[in-house]
């Protein structure tokens, strides 16, 4: 495909662009448009998430990002956000970001990755090995809690 996608950790100066990308991606389906525009968190990527964000760049432009946070529960990480700019959908960028989220979660000692997905995103995650746990209500309607077992990164001994 010749994607030439570069993954890097987000910096504070990226947060405004990530907020725009998050809202743009959310609105692209045409669902809940007014509710999304009225919901501040639909356009904000919190500064406290900065250490947990990996972004994807193509030709110097941010085309997506993922946020994965280690939960307080042992072995559990939460995939908080995964957004790709609509112009770059269906090019494998989301899959690359998901692989990186799993890698980071393993490095941090997680054995399971959890998320809440809307009905449009659920098939993507299920195609990548996530399993349905339960239906939950969100501010924008019904969502699915999904979970995937990931192998923890091996502990290496330094000699």
C-alpha atoms as a PDB file:
ATOM      1  CA  UNK A   1       0.000   0.000   0.000  1.00  0.00           C
ATOM      2  CA  UNK A   2       2.943   2.352   0.502  1.00  0.00           C
ATOM      3  CA  UNK A   3       1.412   3.990   3.543  1.00  0.00           C
ATOM      4  CA  UNK A   4       4.654   5.211   5.123  1.00  0.00           C
ATOM      5  CA  UNK A   5       2.973   5.702   8.486  1.00  0.00           C
ATOM      6  CA  UNK A   6       5.184   6.989  11.272  1.00  0.00           C
ATOM      7  CA  UNK A   7       4.117   6.342  14.877  1.00  0.00           C
ATOM      8  CA  UNK A   8       5.309   8.594  17.669  1.00  0.00           C
ATOM      9  CA  UNK A   9       4.380   9.670  21.172  1.00  0.00           C
ATOM     10  CA  UNK A  10       2.170  12.727  21.307  1.00  0.00           C
ATOM     11  CA  UNK A  11       3.504  16.056  22.541  1.00  0.00           C
ATOM     12  CA  UNK A  12       1.556  18.809  24.298  1.00  0.00           C
ATOM     13  CA  UNK A  13       1.509  20.893  21.112  1.00  0.00           C
ATOM     14  CA  UNK A  14      -0.404  18.046  19.368  1.00  0.00           C
ATOM     15  CA  UNK A  15      -3.409  18.082  21.714  1.00  0.00           C
ATOM     16  CA  UNK A  16      -5.438  20.757  19.906  1.00  0.00           C
ATOM     17  CA  UNK A  17      -5.031  18.971  16.552  1.00  0.00           C
ATOM     18  CA  UNK A  18      -5.954  15.651  18.174  1.00  0.00           C
ATOM     19  CA  UNK A  19      -9.125  17.226  19.568  1.00  0.00           C
ATOM     20  CA  UNK A  20     -10.092  18.440  16.083  1.00  0.00           C
ATOM     21  CA  UNK A  21      -9.341  15.009  14.610  1.00  0.00           C
ATOM     22  CA  UNK A  22     -11.403  13.304  17.352  1.00  0.00           C
ATOM     23  CA  UNK A  23     -14.468  15.449  16.642  1.00  0.00           C
ATOM     24  CA  UNK A  24     -14.054  15.244  12.849  1.00  0.00           C
ATOM     25  CA  UNK A  25     -13.843  11.451  13.010  1.00  0.00           C
ATOM     26  CA  UNK A  26     -16.811  11.203  15.372  1.00  0.00           C
ATOM     27  CA  UNK A  27     -18.997  13.404  13.168  1.00  0.00           C
ATOM     28  CA  UNK A  28     -18.109  11.607   9.927  1.00  0.00           C
ATOM     29  CA  UNK A  29     -20.695   8.861  10.431  1.00  0.00           C
ATOM     30  CA  UNK A  30     -23.489  11.415  10.703  1.00  0.00           C
ATOM     31  CA  UNK A  31     -24.781   9.910  13.965  1.00  0.00           C
ATOM     32  CA  UNK A  32     -25.517  12.053  17.037  1.00  0.00           C
ATOM     33  CA  UNK A  33     -24.205  15.183  15.313  1.00  0.00           C
ATOM     34  CA  UNK A  34     -25.874  17.756  17.571  1.00  0.00           C
ATOM     35  CA  UNK A  35     -25.088  15.782  20.735  1.00  0.00           C
ATOM     36  CA  UNK A  36     -21.426  15.464  19.726  1.00  0.00           C
ATOM     37  CA  UNK A  37     -21.125  19.166  18.965  1.00  0.00           C
ATOM     38  CA  UNK A  38     -22.611  19.950  22.394  1.00  0.00           C
ATOM     39  CA  UNK A  39     -20.374  17.473  24.240  1.00  0.00           C
ATOM     40  CA  UNK A  40     -17.073  19.127  25.279  1.00  0.00           C
ATOM     41  CA  UNK A  41     -15.260  15.791  25.626  1.00  0.00           C
ATOM     42  CA  UNK A  42     -15.977  15.052  21.967  1.00  0.00           C
ATOM     43  CA  UNK A  43     -13.346  17.628  20.981  1.00  0.00           C
ATOM     44  CA  UNK A  44     -10.931  17.538  23.908  1.00  0.00           C
ATOM     45  CA  UNK A  45      -7.982  15.246  24.472  1.00  0.00           C
ATOM     46  CA  UNK A  46      -7.028  15.769  28.130  1.00  0.00           C
ATOM     47  CA  UNK A  47      -3.474  16.756  29.017  1.00  0.00           C
ATOM     48  CA  UNK A  48      -3.389  13.956  31.630  1.00  0.00           C
ATOM     49  CA  UNK A  49      -3.670  11.453  28.741  1.00  0.00           C
ATOM     50  CA  UNK A  50      -0.540  12.814  27.037  1.00  0.00           C
ATOM     51  CA  UNK A  51       1.867  10.100  28.295  1.00  0.00           C
ATOM     52  CA  UNK A  52      -0.506   7.427  26.973  1.00  0.00           C
ATOM     53  CA  UNK A  53      -1.095   8.713  23.420  1.00  0.00           C
ATOM     54  CA  UNK A  54       0.547   7.393  20.263  1.00  0.00           C
ATOM     55  CA  UNK A  55      -0.163   9.226  17.060  1.00  0.00           C
ATOM     56  CA  UNK A  56       0.185   8.247  13.432  1.00  0.00           C
ATOM     57  CA  UNK A  57       1.634  10.644  10.891  1.00  0.00           C
ATOM     58  CA  UNK A  58       1.698  10.402   7.143  1.00  0.00           C
ATOM     59  CA  UNK A  59       3.627  12.910   5.057  1.00  0.00           C
ATOM     60  CA  UNK A  60       4.050  15.046   8.191  1.00  0.00           C
ATOM     61  CA  UNK A  61       0.302  15.193   8.921  1.00  0.00           C
ATOM     62  CA  UNK A  62      -1.402  13.578  11.900  1.00  0.00           C
ATOM     63  CA  UNK A  63      -3.823  10.990  10.521  1.00  0.00           C
ATOM     64  CA  UNK A  64      -4.802   9.179  13.727  1.00  0.00           C
ATOM     65  CA  UNK A  65      -4.113   8.486  17.359  1.00  0.00           C
ATOM     66  CA  UNK A  66      -4.692   5.954  20.089  1.00  0.00           C
ATOM     67  CA  UNK A  67      -4.805   6.370  23.859  1.00  0.00           C
ATOM     68  CA  UNK A  68      -4.243   3.323  26.065  1.00  0.00           C
ATOM     69  CA  UNK A  69      -4.195   3.689  29.851  1.00  0.00           C
ATOM     70  CA  UNK A  70      -3.240   1.134  32.471  1.00  0.00           C
ATOM     71  CA  UNK A  71      -6.197   0.705  34.798  1.00  0.00           C
ATOM     72  CA  UNK A  72      -5.922   0.390  38.573  1.00  0.00           C
ATOM     73  CA  UNK A  73      -7.095  -3.207  38.264  1.00  0.00           C
ATOM     74  CA  UNK A  74      -4.132  -5.567  37.951  1.00  0.00           C
ATOM     75  CA  UNK A  75      -3.439  -6.713  34.414  1.00  0.00           C
ATOM     76  CA  UNK A  76      -6.001  -4.395  32.853  1.00  0.00           C
ATOM     77  CA  UNK A  77      -5.474  -1.599  30.324  1.00  0.00           C
ATOM     78  CA  UNK A  78      -8.181   0.600  28.818  1.00  0.00           C
ATOM     79  CA  UNK A  79      -8.221   1.680  25.200  1.00  0.00           C
ATOM     80  CA  UNK A  80      -9.631   5.145  25.766  1.00  0.00           C
ATOM     81  CA  UNK A  81      -9.521   6.567  22.220  1.00  0.00           C
ATOM     82  CA  UNK A  82      -8.708   5.351  18.737  1.00  0.00           C
ATOM     83  CA  UNK A  83      -9.468   7.825  15.977  1.00  0.00           C
ATOM     84  CA  UNK A  84      -8.375   8.081  12.352  1.00  0.00           C
ATOM     85  CA  UNK A  85      -9.133  11.063  10.164  1.00  0.00           C
ATOM     86  CA  UNK A  86     -11.985  10.092   7.795  1.00  0.00           C
ATOM     87  CA  UNK A  87      -9.896  10.814   4.674  1.00  0.00           C
ATOM     88  CA  UNK A  88      -7.530   8.021   5.792  1.00  0.00           C
ATOM     89  CA  UNK A  89     -10.138   5.405   6.777  1.00  0.00           C
ATOM     90  CA  UNK A  90      -9.723   1.843   5.503  1.00  0.00           C
ATOM     91  CA  UNK A  91      -5.986   2.154   4.919  1.00  0.00           C
ATOM     92  CA  UNK A  92      -4.811   0.075   7.875  1.00  0.00           C
ATOM     93  CA  UNK A  93      -3.934   3.020  10.099  1.00  0.00           C
ATOM     94  CA  UNK A  94      -6.415   2.046  12.808  1.00  0.00           C
ATOM     95  CA  UNK A  95      -5.037  -1.499  12.782  1.00  0.00           C
ATOM     96  CA  UNK A  96      -1.468  -0.197  13.163  1.00  0.00           C
ATOM     97  CA  UNK A  97      -2.529   2.011  16.062  1.00  0.00           C
ATOM     98  CA  UNK A  98      -4.335  -0.899  17.697  1.00  0.00           C
ATOM     99  CA  UNK A  99      -1.239  -3.111  17.422  1.00  0.00           C
ATOM    100  CA  UNK A 100       0.807  -0.339  19.044  1.00  0.00           C
ATOM    101  CA  UNK A 101      -1.777   0.055  21.828  1.00  0.00           C
ATOM    102  CA  UNK A 102      -1.572  -3.659  22.565  1.00  0.00           C
ATOM    103  CA  UNK A 103       2.239  -3.539  22.541  1.00  0.00           C
ATOM    104  CA  UNK A 104       2.329  -0.629  24.967  1.00  0.00           C
ATOM    105  CA  UNK A 105      -0.235  -2.259  27.249  1.00  0.00           C
ATOM    106  CA  UNK A 106       1.871  -5.440  27.378  1.00  0.00           C
ATOM    107  CA  UNK A 107       5.026  -3.471  28.182  1.00  0.00           C
ATOM    108  CA  UNK A 108       3.152  -1.876  31.096  1.00  0.00           C
ATOM    109  CA  UNK A 109       2.215  -5.335  32.372  1.00  0.00           C
ATOM    110  CA  UNK A 110      -1.373  -5.556  31.153  1.00  0.00           C
ATOM    111  CA  UNK A 111      -2.762  -8.951  30.230  1.00  0.00           C
ATOM    112  CA  UNK A 112      -6.156  -7.686  29.032  1.00  0.00           C
ATOM    113  CA  UNK A 113      -7.200  -4.684  26.967  1.00  0.00           C
ATOM    114  CA  UNK A 114     -10.731  -3.313  27.481  1.00  0.00           C
ATOM    115  CA  UNK A 115     -12.787  -0.717  25.603  1.00  0.00           C
ATOM    116  CA  UNK A 116     -16.292   0.547  24.987  1.00  0.00           C
ATOM    117  CA  UNK A 117     -17.207   0.716  21.304  1.00  0.00           C
ATOM    118  CA  UNK A 118     -20.188   2.111  19.455  1.00  0.00           C
ATOM    119  CA  UNK A 119     -22.060  -0.180  17.089  1.00  0.00           C
ATOM    120  CA  UNK A 120     -20.179   1.101  14.038  1.00  0.00           C
ATOM    121  CA  UNK A 121     -16.737   0.446  15.576  1.00  0.00           C
ATOM    122  CA  UNK A 122     -17.575  -2.875  17.209  1.00  0.00           C
ATOM    123  CA  UNK A 123     -16.974  -5.004  14.055  1.00  0.00           C
ATOM    124  CA  UNK A 124     -13.479  -3.472  13.642  1.00  0.00           C
ATOM    125  CA  UNK A 125     -12.472  -4.458  17.154  1.00  0.00           C
ATOM    126  CA  UNK A 126     -14.036  -7.911  16.897  1.00  0.00           C
ATOM    127  CA  UNK A 127     -12.086  -8.491  13.667  1.00  0.00           C
ATOM    128  CA  UNK A 128      -8.950  -7.789  15.714  1.00  0.00           C
ATOM    129  CA  UNK A 129      -9.718 -10.360  18.392  1.00  0.00           C
ATOM    130  CA  UNK A 130     -11.838  -8.412  20.874  1.00  0.00           C
ATOM    131  CA  UNK A 131     -14.775 -10.244  22.417  1.00  0.00           C
ATOM    132  CA  UNK A 132     -18.115  -8.860  23.531  1.00  0.00           C
ATOM    133  CA  UNK A 133     -18.548  -8.663  27.342  1.00  0.00           C
ATOM    134  CA  UNK A 134     -21.700  -6.622  27.896  1.00  0.00           C
ATOM    135  CA  UNK A 135     -23.901  -3.848  26.540  1.00  0.00           C
ATOM    136  CA  UNK A 136     -23.586  -0.490  28.337  1.00  0.00           C
ATOM    137  CA  UNK A 137     -25.289   2.878  28.074  1.00  0.00           C
ATOM    138  CA  UNK A 138     -23.175   5.900  27.160  1.00  0.00           C
ATOM    139  CA  UNK A 139     -23.980   9.579  26.702  1.00  0.00           C
ATOM    140  CA  UNK A 140     -24.557   8.804  23.025  1.00  0.00           C
ATOM    141  CA  UNK A 141     -26.629   5.633  23.388  1.00  0.00           C
ATOM    142  CA  UNK A 142     -25.844   1.972  23.656  1.00  0.00           C
ATOM    143  CA  UNK A 143     -22.273   0.716  23.407  1.00  0.00           C
ATOM    144  CA  UNK A 144     -20.474  -2.580  23.797  1.00  0.00           C
ATOM    145  CA  UNK A 145     -17.816  -3.357  26.363  1.00  0.00           C
ATOM    146  CA  UNK A 146     -15.192  -5.451  24.607  1.00  0.00           C
ATOM    147  CA  UNK A 147     -12.129  -7.232  25.946  1.00  0.00           C
ATOM    148  CA  UNK A 148      -9.066  -8.922  24.507  1.00  0.00           C
ATOM    149  CA  UNK A 149      -6.515 -11.080  26.267  1.00  0.00           C
ATOM    150  CA  UNK A 150      -2.993  -9.969  25.411  1.00  0.00           C
ATOM    151  CA  UNK A 151       0.143 -11.763  26.497  1.00  0.00           C
ATOM    152  CA  UNK A 152       2.244  -9.775  28.938  1.00  0.00           C
ATOM    153  CA  UNK A 153       5.691  -8.776  27.710  1.00  0.00           C
ATOM    154  CA  UNK A 154       8.348 -11.213  28.864  1.00  0.00           C
ATOM    155  CA  UNK A 155      10.532 -10.123  31.755  1.00  0.00           C
ATOM    156  CA  UNK A 156      14.184 -10.083  30.752  1.00  0.00           C
ATOM    157  CA  UNK A 157      17.056 -10.518  33.147  1.00  0.00           C
ATOM    158  CA  UNK A 158      19.959  -8.094  32.989  1.00  0.00           C
ATOM    159  CA  UNK A 159      23.356  -9.692  33.589  1.00  0.00           C
END
